[in-house]
Amino acid sequence: MSPRAGLPLTYLTRFHKFPVQTLKNQERYNELILDLAKDMACILGCIEDVKQFARLAQLKQAIKDVTPLMEDTTNFIVEYTCDGQGSS
């Protein structure tokens, strides 16, 4: 690699640390959001398992109330991260 090829990167890291750090932070947040979506998808599977054996009316109602919220939130996260812009 030519010494000149590294100049733009050196310039960015030396004089524009804020944007480079911002990009690193955004990447970290994106990974956290994807992990959250995966965890929520797993929880939806658990909810479906519990739903099969639910006998108490309160538990049935809680499942009924939480399922759409979990689905909507998971879908929003997936759309947000796929768009990369947050417009859904």
Protein backbone atom coordinates (compact mmCIF):
# COMPACT_ATOMS: atom_id res chain seq x y z
CA MET A 1 0.00 0.00 0.00
CA SER A 2 1.31 3.37 -0.97
CA PRO A 3 1.98 5.87 1.85
CA ARG A 4 -0.36 8.27 0.05
CA ALA A 5 -3.21 5.76 0.22
CA GLY A 6 -3.17 5.95 4.00
CA LEU A 7 -3.33 9.76 4.09
CA PRO A 8 -7.14 10.06 3.88
CA LEU A 9 -7.58 7.60 6.74
CA THR A 10 -4.91 9.36 8.80
CA TYR A 11 -6.64 12.66 8.13
CA LEU A 12 -10.02 11.28 9.16
CA THR A 13 -8.79 9.67 12.34
CA ARG A 14 -6.59 12.57 13.39
CA PHE A 15 -8.80 15.55 12.56
CA HIS A 16 -12.27 14.06 12.56
CA LYS A 17 -12.37 11.70 15.51
CA PHE A 18 -15.97 12.56 16.28
CA PRO A 19 -17.41 11.20 13.01
CA VAL A 20 -15.24 8.06 13.14
CA GLN A 21 -16.25 7.42 16.75
CA THR A 22 -19.87 8.10 15.85
CA LEU A 23 -19.72 5.44 13.14
CA LYS A 24 -18.19 2.95 15.57
CA ASN A 25 -20.89 3.73 18.12
CA GLN A 26 -23.62 3.34 15.49
CA GLU A 27 -22.25 -0.05 14.50
CA ARG A 28 -22.28 -1.13 18.14
CA TYR A 29 -25.87 0.07 18.58
CA ASN A 30 -26.94 -1.72 15.40
CA GLU A 31 -25.50 -4.97 16.75
CA LEU A 32 -27.33 -4.48 20.05
CA ILE A 33 -30.61 -3.83 18.24
CA LEU A 34 -30.19 -6.98 16.13
CA ASP A 35 -29.47 -8.99 19.27
CA LEU A 36 -32.61 -7.54 20.83
CA ALA A 37 -34.68 -8.56 17.80
CA LYS A 38 -33.29 -12.10 17.94
CA ASP A 39 -34.04 -12.34 21.66
CA MET A 40 -37.56 -11.05 21.13
CA ALA A 41 -38.14 -13.61 18.36
CA CYS A 42 -37.07 -16.35 20.79
CA ILE A 43 -39.43 -14.98 23.42
CA LEU A 44 -42.28 -15.10 20.90
CA GLY A 45 -41.55 -18.80 20.47
CA CYS A 46 -41.68 -19.28 24.24
CA ILE A 47 -44.96 -17.37 24.42
CA GLU A 48 -46.44 -19.72 21.85
CA ASP A 49 -45.29 -22.72 23.91
CA VAL A 50 -46.82 -21.31 27.10
CA LYS A 51 -50.01 -20.39 25.23
CA GLN A 52 -50.66 -24.07 24.48
CA PHE A 53 -50.80 -24.94 28.18
CA ALA A 54 -52.28 -21.76 29.64
CA ARG A 55 -55.30 -22.45 31.83
CA LEU A 56 -55.63 -19.31 33.94
CA ALA A 57 -57.70 -16.55 32.38
CA GLN A 58 -55.19 -13.93 33.54
CA LEU A 59 -52.30 -15.75 31.86
CA LYS A 60 -54.31 -16.15 28.66
CA GLN A 61 -55.11 -12.43 28.68
CA ALA A 62 -51.49 -11.49 29.37
CA ILE A 63 -50.37 -13.60 26.43
CA LYS A 64 -53.06 -12.06 24.24
CA ASP A 65 -51.93 -8.56 25.25
CA VAL A 66 -48.17 -9.05 24.94
CA THR A 67 -48.01 -11.04 21.69
CA PRO A 68 -48.97 -8.21 19.29
CA LEU A 69 -46.66 -5.80 21.11
CA MET A 70 -43.73 -8.20 20.80
CA GLU A 71 -44.51 -8.89 17.13
CA ASP A 72 -44.85 -5.20 16.27
CA THR A 73 -41.64 -4.30 18.08
CA THR A 74 -39.68 -7.12 16.46
CA ASN A 75 -41.00 -6.17 13.01
CA PHE A 76 -40.12 -2.52 13.57
CA ILE A 77 -36.56 -3.40 14.59
CA VAL A 78 -36.10 -5.66 11.57
CA GLU A 79 -37.48 -3.02 9.19
CA TYR A 80 -35.39 -0.29 10.82
CA THR A 81 -32.17 -2.23 10.55
CA CYS A 82 -32.89 -3.42 7.00
CA ASP A 83 -33.68 0.12 5.81
CA GLY A 84 -30.71 1.57 7.60
CA GLN A 85 -32.66 4.80 7.79
CA GLY A 86 -35.35 4.12 10.32
CA SER A 87 -38.25 4.93 8.02
CA SER A 88 -40.94 2.32 8.13
